[in-house]
Amino acid sequence: MARLVVMGGGVSGHTAATFAKKWLGDEHEVVVVTPNSQWNWIPSNIWVGVGQMTKEEVTFPLAPVYEKAGIDFRQAKAVSIHPYGNKESDKEYITIEYTGQGKEGQTEELTYDYLINATGPKLNFGATPGLGEGTQIGEHTVSVCTADHAVHANLELRQIFEKAKAGERQKILIGTGHGMCTCQGAAFEYIFNIEHEANNAGVRDMLDIKWISNESFLGDFGIGGLHMKRGGYAASSRLFAESLYSERGIPWIIGAHVSKVEAGKIEYELLDGSTGEEEFDFAMLIPPFAGVGLKAYDKEGEDMTDVIFAPNGFMKVDAKYDAGAYENWKASDWPRTYQNPTFSNMFACGIAFAPPHLISKPMSSPNGTPINPTPPRTGMPSGIIGKAVAHSICDLIKEGENAHLHEASMAEMGAACVASAGKGLTTGTAAALTVYPVVPDFEKYPGLGRDLDYTFGEIGLAGHWIKHILHHLFIYKAKLKPGWTLIPE
């Protein structure tokens, strides 16, 4: 009997674990190690953050689902990897520290035959002075990165609306909280949902809502922007985004690195090297992401973290990490199998894998401050990669070490994104976009880097209905309800 250990129970890890167990059956063991007792459909945290959904509508307990599936669930955080074993044994293992199940604080060694790192990101609030300490958000801003964060954000937003109703003009600032953030899409959704709710509450004219981002142009989204087919011609995401922000009366600051956060004020540096300040009464600034901080040790207990992990804490996979300057970047630099190059029984998926480089063009200010979006690896790509990795490991277990590895390169992968711009049965809107491939391939698609036959977008009420339906479909799928495997990632 082989044991597959999956570190992380988010979108990618949960997908990998559940498919692996389905394919392996009772002949082999699947163990999930995750510090959270609840599974969270993170995209809908946006709606929790404006009071349109409750925490209970976007989360559910993991233990019953894993018990039904026959998956060994450990509510614990992974601490370290020991790919050579230790002095007493050659068997690979990880160390874990329990966060629940009545074992809080207890540590354990968990052996594995195959290992998937799906630990997701560390919310690195501490990277920006005043934004928070370590992984904890500070007192000056709010967040929608977790369900609990979103609940708190809505409570703070309600107070802003009440002050606006009382005749106090309020300043709202939404965007990224560091020059190397990703996940601009989440902030994009949140700012437009706030604007929509402000209209519904009758306080929009008392709110100054502003966007701040590390993107060099609106609509970059960490993928270098895109061109989409609309009405028989190619429209840029920049035009698409600028039109939407202008239509909703939201000014923007772009190419910005937030360097400091204080009560009611931020300081920032722009790509041209100039600096500025912006005041706010309410701010939601996405923190930068980093690896969760896993360590790795050899048989003698010596630190070998840099063998398995990149400096940013994400796991090395089969990517080309020595591509060099931007002019040398190619779509083929991106990983295909997500197998660690040093240890063939170790894979990474979702946000946990180290990308070879940015997707957007790298930029920095004259002061040397990097100001550019880092690559998004969330949502649909996370699920697709998790499923592919699970498939590879199942084949390795069943067929041996020469089994074919399944591929899921983001440079050959299409993705659909439905970005909410306001919730409502008849008044909601969302931008529904498809992009192929996610990572542009300028050799295969000269000029735009993408295939316009599969890259298109529209905004409207239909997009909102799709977003709402997908919320229920993906939670249904994650609960392993009948027919769950038929719902695509």
Protein backbone atom coordinates (compact mmCIF):
# COMPACT_ATOMS: atom_id res chain seq x y z
CA MET A 1 0.00 0.00 0.00
CA ALA A 2 1.34 3.41 -1.02
CA ARG A 3 0.68 6.58 0.95
CA LEU A 4 0.08 9.91 -0.74
CA VAL A 5 0.28 12.89 1.57
CA VAL A 6 -1.26 16.16 0.38
CA MET A 7 -0.13 19.26 2.27
CA GLY A 8 -2.96 21.76 1.96
CA GLY A 9 -6.72 21.45 1.55
CA GLY A 10 -7.56 24.48 -0.57
CA VAL A 11 -8.81 24.45 -4.16
CA SER A 12 -5.73 22.69 -5.57
CA GLY A 13 -5.00 20.34 -2.68
CA HIS A 14 -8.64 19.33 -2.21
CA THR A 15 -8.95 18.64 -5.93
CA ALA A 16 -5.77 16.54 -5.95
CA ALA A 17 -6.70 14.56 -2.84
CA THR A 18 -10.28 13.79 -3.80
CA PHE A 19 -9.46 12.68 -7.35
CA ALA A 20 -6.47 10.66 -6.14
CA LYS A 21 -8.63 8.80 -3.62
CA LYS A 22 -11.30 8.14 -6.25
CA TRP A 23 -8.72 6.71 -8.65
CA LEU A 24 -6.67 4.78 -6.06
CA GLY A 25 -9.56 3.35 -4.07
CA ASP A 26 -8.97 1.46 -0.83
CA GLU A 27 -5.78 -0.19 -2.05
CA HIS A 28 -3.77 2.93 -1.24
CA GLU A 29 -3.87 5.69 1.36
CA VAL A 30 -4.49 9.41 0.85
CA VAL A 31 -3.77 11.78 3.74
CA VAL A 32 -4.62 15.49 3.76
CA VAL A 33 -2.76 17.78 6.15
CA THR A 34 -4.29 21.23 6.41
CA PRO A 35 -4.51 23.66 9.35
CA ASN A 36 -8.12 24.62 8.61
CA SER A 37 -11.19 22.70 9.69
CA GLN A 38 -13.31 24.49 7.07
CA TRP A 39 -13.08 24.55 3.31
CA ASN A 40 -13.56 28.01 1.85
CA TRP A 41 -14.71 28.89 -1.66
CA ILE A 42 -12.48 31.96 -1.68
CA PRO A 43 -13.91 33.75 -4.77
CA SER A 44 -17.19 34.31 -2.93
CA ASN A 45 -15.44 35.99 0.00
CA ILE A 46 -15.98 39.15 -2.07
CA TRP A 47 -19.71 38.86 -1.48
CA VAL A 48 -19.21 38.18 2.23
CA GLY A 49 -17.14 41.37 2.35
CA VAL A 50 -20.14 43.45 1.23
CA GLY A 51 -22.78 41.59 3.22
CA GLN A 52 -24.33 39.74 0.29
CA MET A 53 -23.35 36.32 1.65
CA THR A 54 -22.60 34.90 5.08
CA LYS A 55 -19.49 33.02 6.13
CA GLU A 56 -21.59 29.86 6.36
CA GLU A 57 -22.52 30.15 2.69
CA VAL A 58 -18.89 30.08 1.54
CA THR A 59 -17.46 27.47 3.93
CA PHE A 60 -18.17 23.90 5.09
CA PRO A 61 -16.48 21.41 7.48
CA LEU A 62 -13.84 19.22 5.84
CA ALA A 63 -13.87 16.28 8.28
CA PRO A 64 -17.24 14.78 7.21
CA VAL A 65 -16.35 15.07 3.52
CA TYR A 66 -13.00 13.34 3.96
CA GLU A 67 -14.51 10.66 6.20
CA LYS A 68 -17.07 9.87 3.50
CA ALA A 69 -14.33 9.72 0.87
CA GLY A 70 -12.02 7.52 2.95
CA ILE A 71 -9.34 10.21 3.18
CA ASP A 72 -7.24 10.47 6.35
CA PHE A 73 -7.69 14.07 7.52
CA ARG A 74 -5.14 15.70 9.82
CA GLN A 75 -6.04 19.21 10.95
CA ALA A 76 -2.45 20.34 11.20
CA LYS A 77 0.11 22.53 9.51
CA ALA A 78 3.09 21.02 7.72
CA VAL A 79 6.33 22.23 9.25
CA SER A 80 9.20 20.46 7.50
CA ILE A 81 10.06 17.89 4.83
CA HIS A 82 12.63 15.14 5.35
CA PRO A 83 13.07 13.53 1.91
CA TYR A 84 15.95 11.27 3.03
CA GLY A 85 14.42 10.22 6.34
CA ASN A 86 16.58 10.55 9.44
CA LYS A 87 19.44 8.74 11.19
CA GLU A 88 17.12 5.94 12.32
CA SER A 89 15.30 5.35 9.03
CA ASP A 90 15.58 6.03 5.30
CA LYS A 91 11.82 6.54 5.00
CA GLU A 92 10.67 9.95 3.80
CA TYR A 93 8.47 11.92 6.17
CA ILE A 94 7.11 15.34 7.00
CA THR A 95 6.65 16.87 10.43
CA ILE A 96 3.27 18.33 11.24
CA GLU A 97 1.86 20.38 14.11
CA TYR A 98 -1.80 19.91 14.94
CA THR A 99 -4.13 22.91 15.03
CA GLY A 100 -7.28 20.98 15.91
CA GLN A 101 -8.88 17.58 16.52
CA GLY A 102 -8.09 17.90 20.23
CA LYS A 103 -4.36 17.69 19.54
CA GLU A 104 -3.53 21.39 19.30
CA GLY A 105 0.23 21.99 19.51
CA GLN A 106 1.18 18.31 19.26
CA THR A 107 3.76 17.38 16.64
CA GLU A 108 4.03 14.20 14.62
CA GLU A 109 6.16 12.59 11.93
CA LEU A 110 4.09 11.47 8.94
CA THR A 111 5.73 9.17 6.41
CA TYR A 112 4.91 9.30 2.72
CA ASP A 113 5.59 7.55 -0.56
CA TYR A 114 4.41 10.51 -2.60
CA LEU A 115 4.03 14.11 -1.52
CA ILE A 116 1.99 16.98 -2.95
CA ASN A 117 2.70 20.51 -1.78
CA ALA A 118 -0.55 22.44 -2.09
CA THR A 119 0.03 24.71 0.89
CA GLY A 120 -1.05 27.84 -0.95
CA PRO A 121 0.26 31.28 -0.01
CA LYS A 122 1.42 32.93 3.14
CA LEU A 123 -0.49 36.20 3.38
CA ASN A 124 2.59 38.34 3.84
CA PHE A 125 1.01 41.40 5.48
CA GLY A 126 4.30 42.07 7.24
CA ALA A 127 6.02 42.91 3.94
CA THR A 128 4.48 46.40 4.07
CA PRO A 129 5.08 48.41 7.26
CA GLY A 130 1.75 49.05 8.92
CA LEU A 131 -0.25 46.61 6.77
CA GLY A 132 0.21 43.92 9.40
CA GLU A 133 2.67 41.74 11.29
CA GLY A 134 3.81 38.54 9.63
CA THR A 135 0.68 36.76 8.41
CA GLN A 136 -1.66 38.83 10.57
CA ILE A 137 -3.52 41.82 9.18
CA GLY A 138 -3.03 45.11 11.01
CA GLU A 139 -5.60 47.44 12.49
CA HIS A 140 -5.58 50.07 9.75
CA THR A 141 -7.02 48.12 6.80
CA VAL A 142 -9.29 45.18 6.06
CA SER A 143 -8.94 42.09 3.88
CA VAL A 144 -11.10 39.63 1.96
CA CYS A 145 -8.44 36.91 1.71
CA THR A 146 -10.21 34.62 4.20
CA ALA A 147 -13.86 34.21 5.18
CA ASP A 148 -13.19 35.66 8.63
CA HIS A 149 -11.40 38.63 7.09
CA ALA A 150 -14.38 39.22 4.81
CA VAL A 151 -16.83 39.15 7.72
CA HIS A 152 -14.77 41.82 9.47
CA ALA A 153 -14.49 43.85 6.25
CA ASN A 154 -18.26 43.96 5.89
CA LEU A 155 -18.72 45.12 9.49
CA GLU A 156 -16.27 47.98 8.88
CA LEU A 157 -17.90 48.83 5.55
CA ARG A 158 -21.34 49.07 7.19
CA GLN A 159 -19.93 51.70 9.57
CA ILE A 160 -18.63 53.68 6.60
CA PHE A 161 -22.06 53.58 4.97
CA GLU A 162 -23.70 54.75 8.20
CA LYS A 163 -21.34 57.69 8.44
CA ALA A 164 -22.08 58.54 4.81
CA LYS A 165 -25.82 58.44 5.54
CA ALA A 166 -25.20 60.85 8.41
CA GLY A 167 -23.64 63.33 6.00
CA GLU A 168 -19.93 62.55 6.57
CA ARG A 169 -18.03 62.22 3.31
CA GLN A 170 -15.94 59.02 3.31
CA LYS A 171 -12.83 57.98 1.38
CA ILE A 172 -12.47 54.36 0.29
CA LEU A 173 -9.21 52.96 -1.09
CA ILE A 174 -9.03 49.49 -2.64
CA GLY A 175 -6.18 47.68 -4.39
CA THR A 176 -2.77 46.15 -3.72
CA GLY A 177 -0.67 46.77 -0.64
CA HIS A 178 2.80 46.18 -2.08
CA GLY A 179 4.71 46.53 -5.32
CA MET A 180 4.92 42.77 -5.84
CA CYS A 181 1.34 41.71 -5.14
CA THR A 182 -0.75 39.31 -7.14
CA CYS A 183 -4.52 38.72 -7.02
CA GLN A 184 -5.48 42.10 -8.50
CA GLY A 185 -8.68 40.38 -9.63
CA ALA A 186 -9.97 40.01 -6.06
CA ALA A 187 -9.45 43.70 -5.37
CA PHE A 188 -11.04 44.51 -8.75
CA GLU A 189 -14.16 42.58 -7.75
CA TYR A 190 -14.28 44.12 -4.29
CA ILE A 191 -14.09 47.73 -5.41
CA PHE A 192 -16.94 47.33 -7.87
CA ASN A 193 -19.07 45.40 -5.39
CA ILE A 194 -18.58 48.23 -2.88
CA GLU A 195 -19.55 50.77 -5.53
CA HIS A 196 -22.63 48.70 -6.38
CA GLU A 197 -23.67 48.36 -2.72
CA ALA A 198 -23.12 52.08 -2.16
CA ASN A 199 -25.61 52.80 -4.92
CA ASN A 200 -28.10 50.37 -3.41
CA ALA A 201 -27.66 52.05 0.00
CA GLY A 202 -28.13 55.52 -1.47
CA VAL A 203 -24.72 56.76 -0.29
CA ARG A 204 -22.64 56.63 -3.49
CA ASP A 205 -22.55 60.43 -3.79
CA MET A 206 -20.99 60.64 -0.30
CA LEU A 207 -18.16 58.24 -1.10
CA ASP A 208 -14.85 58.93 -2.84
CA ILE A 209 -13.80 55.48 -4.09
CA LYS A 210 -10.27 55.13 -5.48
CA TRP A 211 -8.19 52.27 -6.90
CA ILE A 212 -4.46 51.76 -6.27
CA SER A 213 -2.46 49.01 -7.93
CA ASN A 214 1.03 47.85 -8.82
CA GLU A 215 -0.10 47.22 -12.40
CA SER A 216 1.59 49.42 -14.99
CA PHE A 217 -1.78 49.70 -16.74
CA LEU A 218 -5.34 48.92 -15.79
CA GLY A 219 -6.32 45.43 -16.88
CA ASP A 220 -2.88 43.85 -16.51
CA PHE A 221 -4.12 41.40 -13.83
CA GLY A 222 -0.69 39.83 -13.52
CA ILE A 223 -0.92 38.19 -16.95
CA GLY A 224 0.41 41.12 -18.95
CA GLY A 225 -3.11 42.08 -19.94
CA LEU A 226 -4.83 40.55 -22.92
CA HIS A 227 -6.68 41.30 -26.11
CA MET A 228 -10.11 39.77 -26.56
CA LYS A 229 -12.43 39.32 -29.46
CA ARG A 230 -15.37 41.74 -29.24
CA GLY A 231 -17.66 42.55 -32.14
CA GLY A 232 -15.21 41.25 -34.71
CA TYR A 233 -12.17 43.20 -33.51
CA ALA A 234 -9.53 42.86 -30.80
CA ALA A 235 -10.12 45.01 -27.73
CA SER A 236 -7.48 45.34 -25.05
CA SER A 237 -8.17 44.59 -21.40
CA ARG A 238 -6.75 48.05 -20.72
CA LEU A 239 -9.55 49.68 -22.73
CA PHE A 240 -12.06 47.33 -21.12
CA ALA A 241 -10.91 48.19 -17.57
CA GLU A 242 -10.46 51.92 -18.09
CA SER A 243 -13.96 52.15 -19.54
CA LEU A 244 -15.43 50.35 -16.53
CA TYR A 245 -13.56 52.45 -13.95
CA SER A 246 -14.54 55.64 -15.75
CA GLU A 247 -18.17 54.57 -16.09
CA ARG A 248 -18.37 53.85 -12.35
CA GLY A 249 -16.61 57.10 -11.42
CA ILE A 250 -13.56 55.46 -9.85
CA PRO A 251 -10.19 57.23 -10.36
CA TRP A 252 -7.02 55.16 -10.24
CA ILE A 253 -3.38 55.22 -9.16
CA ILE A 254 -1.32 52.62 -11.02
CA GLY A 255 2.29 51.53 -11.06
CA ALA A 256 2.27 52.01 -7.29
CA HIS A 257 4.18 50.33 -4.48
CA VAL A 258 2.52 50.95 -1.12
CA SER A 259 5.50 51.52 1.15
CA LYS A 260 3.79 52.34 4.44
CA VAL A 261 0.35 52.16 6.03
CA GLU A 262 -0.77 54.32 8.94
CA ALA A 263 -4.13 55.10 10.49
CA GLY A 264 -6.12 56.72 7.70
CA LYS A 265 -3.14 57.16 5.35
CA ILE A 266 -0.77 55.32 3.05
CA GLU A 267 2.52 56.30 1.47
CA TYR A 268 3.43 55.02 -1.99
CA GLU A 269 6.14 55.14 -4.64
CA LEU A 270 5.38 55.21 -8.36
CA LEU A 271 7.23 53.69 -11.31
CA ASP A 272 8.66 57.10 -12.18
CA GLY A 273 10.28 57.29 -8.73
CA SER A 274 7.95 59.93 -7.35
CA THR A 275 6.19 59.41 -4.03
CA GLY A 276 2.79 60.35 -2.71
CA GLU A 277 0.26 59.94 0.07
CA GLU A 278 -3.38 58.96 0.02
CA GLU A 279 -5.86 59.32 2.86
CA PHE A 280 -8.68 56.89 3.54
CA ASP A 281 -11.47 56.08 5.95
CA PHE A 282 -11.73 52.48 4.73
CA ALA A 283 -9.07 50.52 2.86
CA MET A 284 -8.74 46.97 1.57
CA LEU A 285 -5.23 46.31 0.30
CA ILE A 286 -4.28 42.82 -0.90
CA PRO A 287 -1.01 41.67 0.73
CA PRO A 288 1.81 40.08 -1.25
CA PHE A 289 2.01 36.27 -1.27
CA ALA A 290 4.97 34.11 -0.27
CA GLY A 291 5.52 30.44 0.39
CA VAL A 292 4.27 29.27 3.77
CA GLY A 293 7.79 28.81 5.12
CA LEU A 294 8.25 25.05 4.96
CA LYS A 295 11.75 23.84 5.81
CA ALA A 296 13.61 20.84 4.44
CA TYR A 297 16.31 18.79 6.17
CA ASP A 298 18.68 16.03 5.08
CA LYS A 299 19.32 12.74 6.85
CA GLU A 300 21.76 14.38 9.26
CA GLY A 301 19.33 17.16 10.13
CA GLU A 302 21.15 19.80 8.07
CA ASP A 303 19.05 22.48 6.41
CA MET A 304 18.49 21.83 2.69
CA THR A 305 15.52 24.13 2.17
CA ASP A 306 17.17 25.89 -0.77
CA VAL A 307 17.39 22.58 -2.65
CA ILE A 308 13.61 22.16 -2.73
CA PHE A 309 12.34 25.72 -2.43
CA ALA A 310 12.98 28.96 -4.27
CA PRO A 311 13.95 32.04 -2.19
CA ASN A 312 10.30 33.16 -2.12
CA GLY A 313 9.34 29.94 -0.33
CA PHE A 314 7.54 28.29 -3.25
CA MET A 315 8.53 24.77 -4.31
CA LYS A 316 10.79 24.24 -7.32
CA VAL A 317 9.25 22.19 -10.11
CA ASP A 318 10.09 21.39 -13.75
CA ALA A 319 10.32 25.02 -14.83
CA LYS A 320 13.19 26.88 -16.45
CA TYR A 321 14.43 29.09 -13.62
CA ASP A 322 17.48 30.42 -15.49
CA ALA A 323 15.67 32.07 -18.40
CA GLY A 324 17.39 35.36 -17.60
CA ALA A 325 16.27 38.70 -19.02
CA TYR A 326 12.73 39.45 -20.13
CA GLU A 327 13.77 39.30 -23.78
CA ASN A 328 14.66 35.62 -23.31
CA TRP A 329 11.41 34.53 -21.68
CA LYS A 330 9.40 31.88 -23.49
CA ALA A 331 6.15 30.07 -22.87
CA SER A 332 8.19 26.85 -22.69
CA ASP A 333 9.83 28.13 -19.48
CA TRP A 334 6.66 27.24 -17.58
CA PRO A 335 6.33 23.87 -15.84
CA ARG A 336 4.40 21.01 -17.38
CA THR A 337 4.32 18.21 -14.79
CA TYR A 338 5.01 20.12 -11.53
CA GLN A 339 7.42 17.41 -10.41
CA ASN A 340 10.31 18.50 -8.19
CA PRO A 341 13.56 18.16 -10.17
CA THR A 342 15.46 16.65 -7.22
CA PHE A 343 12.86 14.28 -5.76
CA SER A 344 10.67 12.47 -8.28
CA ASN A 345 8.04 11.54 -5.67
CA MET A 346 7.39 15.19 -4.78
CA PHE A 347 5.06 17.55 -6.66
CA ALA A 348 3.59 21.03 -6.14
CA CYS A 349 0.34 22.52 -7.38
CA GLY A 350 -1.69 25.70 -7.14
CA ILE A 351 0.02 28.71 -5.63
CA ALA A 352 2.62 26.47 -3.95
CA PHE A 353 4.77 25.96 -7.07
CA ALA A 354 7.50 28.45 -7.89
CA PRO A 355 6.87 30.15 -11.25
CA PRO A 356 9.94 30.59 -13.48
CA HIS A 357 9.41 34.36 -13.75
CA LEU A 358 6.69 36.96 -14.05
CA ILE A 359 4.07 36.91 -16.78
CA SER A 360 3.76 40.70 -16.85
CA LYS A 361 6.77 42.70 -18.00
CA PRO A 362 9.15 43.31 -15.07
CA MET A 363 9.42 46.93 -14.03
CA SER A 364 11.04 48.94 -11.28
CA SER A 365 11.32 52.56 -10.24
CA PRO A 366 14.53 54.57 -10.70
CA ASN A 367 15.13 53.83 -7.00
CA GLY A 368 15.32 50.12 -7.78
CA THR A 369 11.95 49.25 -6.24
CA PRO A 370 10.25 46.39 -8.13
CA ILE A 371 6.70 47.39 -9.03
CA ASN A 372 5.04 44.65 -11.02
CA PRO A 373 2.31 42.06 -10.50
CA THR A 374 3.49 38.54 -9.68
CA PRO A 375 1.90 35.62 -11.54
CA PRO A 376 -1.61 34.52 -10.49
CA ARG A 377 -2.00 30.74 -10.01
CA THR A 378 -5.42 30.64 -8.42
CA GLY A 379 -8.90 29.50 -9.45
CA MET A 380 -9.28 27.38 -12.55
CA PRO A 381 -5.52 26.79 -13.15
CA SER A 382 -5.14 25.61 -9.53
CA GLY A 383 -7.83 22.98 -9.98
CA ILE A 384 -6.55 21.81 -13.36
CA ILE A 385 -2.98 21.49 -12.08
CA GLY A 386 -4.11 19.69 -8.91
CA LYS A 387 -6.04 17.13 -10.94
CA ALA A 388 -3.13 16.58 -13.35
CA VAL A 389 -0.66 16.06 -10.51
CA ALA A 390 -3.02 13.58 -8.83
CA HIS A 391 -3.35 11.71 -12.12
CA SER A 392 0.42 11.50 -12.50
CA ILE A 393 0.92 10.14 -8.99
CA CYS A 394 -1.85 7.58 -9.37
CA ASP A 395 -0.20 6.31 -12.55
CA LEU A 396 3.20 6.20 -10.85
CA ILE A 397 1.72 4.14 -8.02
CA LYS A 398 -0.11 1.74 -10.33
CA GLU A 399 2.35 1.46 -13.23
CA GLY A 400 5.73 2.19 -11.68
CA GLU A 401 8.33 4.91 -12.00
CA ASN A 402 8.26 4.89 -15.80
CA ALA A 403 4.61 5.90 -15.98
CA HIS A 404 3.73 8.84 -18.18
CA LEU A 405 3.32 12.11 -16.28
CA HIS A 406 0.26 14.19 -17.07
CA GLU A 407 0.84 17.77 -18.20
CA ALA A 408 -0.93 21.02 -17.42
CA SER A 409 1.25 23.89 -18.61
CA MET A 410 -0.23 27.32 -18.02
CA ALA A 411 1.26 28.21 -21.42
CA GLU A 412 -1.03 25.61 -23.03
CA MET A 413 -4.00 26.05 -20.73
CA GLY A 414 -7.11 28.12 -21.21
CA ALA A 415 -8.93 29.66 -18.29
CA ALA A 416 -12.29 31.26 -17.68
CA CYS A 417 -12.73 34.07 -15.18
CA VAL A 418 -16.00 35.59 -14.02
CA ALA A 419 -15.28 38.79 -12.08
CA SER A 420 -18.21 40.17 -10.13
CA ALA A 421 -18.93 43.87 -10.45
CA GLY A 422 -21.97 43.86 -8.19
CA LYS A 423 -24.45 41.27 -6.90
CA GLY A 424 -28.18 41.33 -7.61
CA LEU A 425 -30.78 39.12 -9.27
CA THR A 426 -31.70 41.81 -11.79
CA THR A 427 -29.07 44.48 -11.13
CA GLY A 428 -25.90 42.40 -10.80
CA THR A 429 -23.08 42.55 -13.32
CA ALA A 430 -19.93 40.54 -13.90
CA ALA A 431 -17.14 40.49 -16.44
CA ALA A 432 -16.96 37.04 -18.02
CA LEU A 433 -13.60 36.45 -19.67
CA THR A 434 -11.83 33.54 -21.29
CA VAL A 435 -8.13 33.54 -22.07
CA TYR A 436 -6.06 31.06 -24.05
CA PRO A 437 -3.37 30.44 -23.12
CA VAL A 438 -2.97 31.91 -19.64
CA VAL A 439 0.74 32.51 -20.21
CA PRO A 440 1.10 34.23 -23.60
CA ASP A 441 3.01 32.35 -26.27
CA PHE A 442 4.41 34.93 -28.69
CA GLU A 443 6.10 32.27 -30.82
CA LYS A 444 2.86 30.39 -31.49
CA TYR A 445 0.65 33.50 -31.56
CA PRO A 446 2.80 36.38 -32.85
CA GLY A 447 1.80 39.87 -31.81
CA LEU A 448 -0.83 39.27 -29.13
CA GLY A 449 0.49 36.01 -27.66
CA ARG A 450 -2.97 34.46 -27.46
CA ASP A 451 -5.56 32.82 -29.69
CA LEU A 452 -8.41 35.28 -30.25
CA ASP A 453 -10.75 32.43 -31.18
CA TYR A 454 -10.67 31.42 -27.51
CA THR A 455 -10.00 34.76 -25.82
CA PHE A 456 -13.06 36.94 -25.43
CA GLY A 457 -15.06 38.80 -22.82
CA GLU A 458 -18.33 40.53 -22.05
CA ILE A 459 -19.79 42.30 -19.03
CA GLY A 460 -23.40 42.25 -17.96
CA LEU A 461 -26.18 40.60 -15.97
CA ALA A 462 -25.66 37.20 -17.61
CA GLY A 463 -22.12 37.16 -16.25
CA HIS A 464 -23.46 37.69 -12.75
CA TRP A 465 -25.88 34.77 -13.10
CA ILE A 466 -22.96 32.58 -14.25
CA LYS A 467 -20.90 33.70 -11.24
CA HIS A 468 -23.74 32.87 -8.86
CA ILE A 469 -24.35 29.47 -10.44
CA LEU A 470 -20.63 28.64 -10.31
CA HIS A 471 -20.58 29.45 -6.58
CA HIS A 472 -23.13 26.71 -5.93
CA LEU A 473 -21.63 24.27 -8.45
CA PHE A 474 -18.12 24.42 -7.02
CA ILE A 475 -19.26 24.03 -3.42
CA TYR A 476 -21.41 21.09 -4.56
CA LYS A 477 -18.34 19.61 -6.26
CA ALA A 478 -16.07 20.20 -3.26
CA LYS A 479 -18.58 18.38 -1.01
CA LEU A 480 -18.29 15.36 -3.34
CA LYS A 481 -21.99 15.29 -4.03
CA PRO A 482 -23.34 12.82 -6.66
CA GLY A 483 -21.85 13.58 -10.07
CA TRP A 484 -19.12 15.83 -8.64
CA THR A 485 -16.51 14.51 -11.08
CA LEU A 486 -18.60 15.76 -14.02
CA ILE A 487 -18.19 19.40 -12.97
CA PRO A 488 -15.01 20.78 -14.57
CA GLU A 489 -12.28 22.50 -12.62
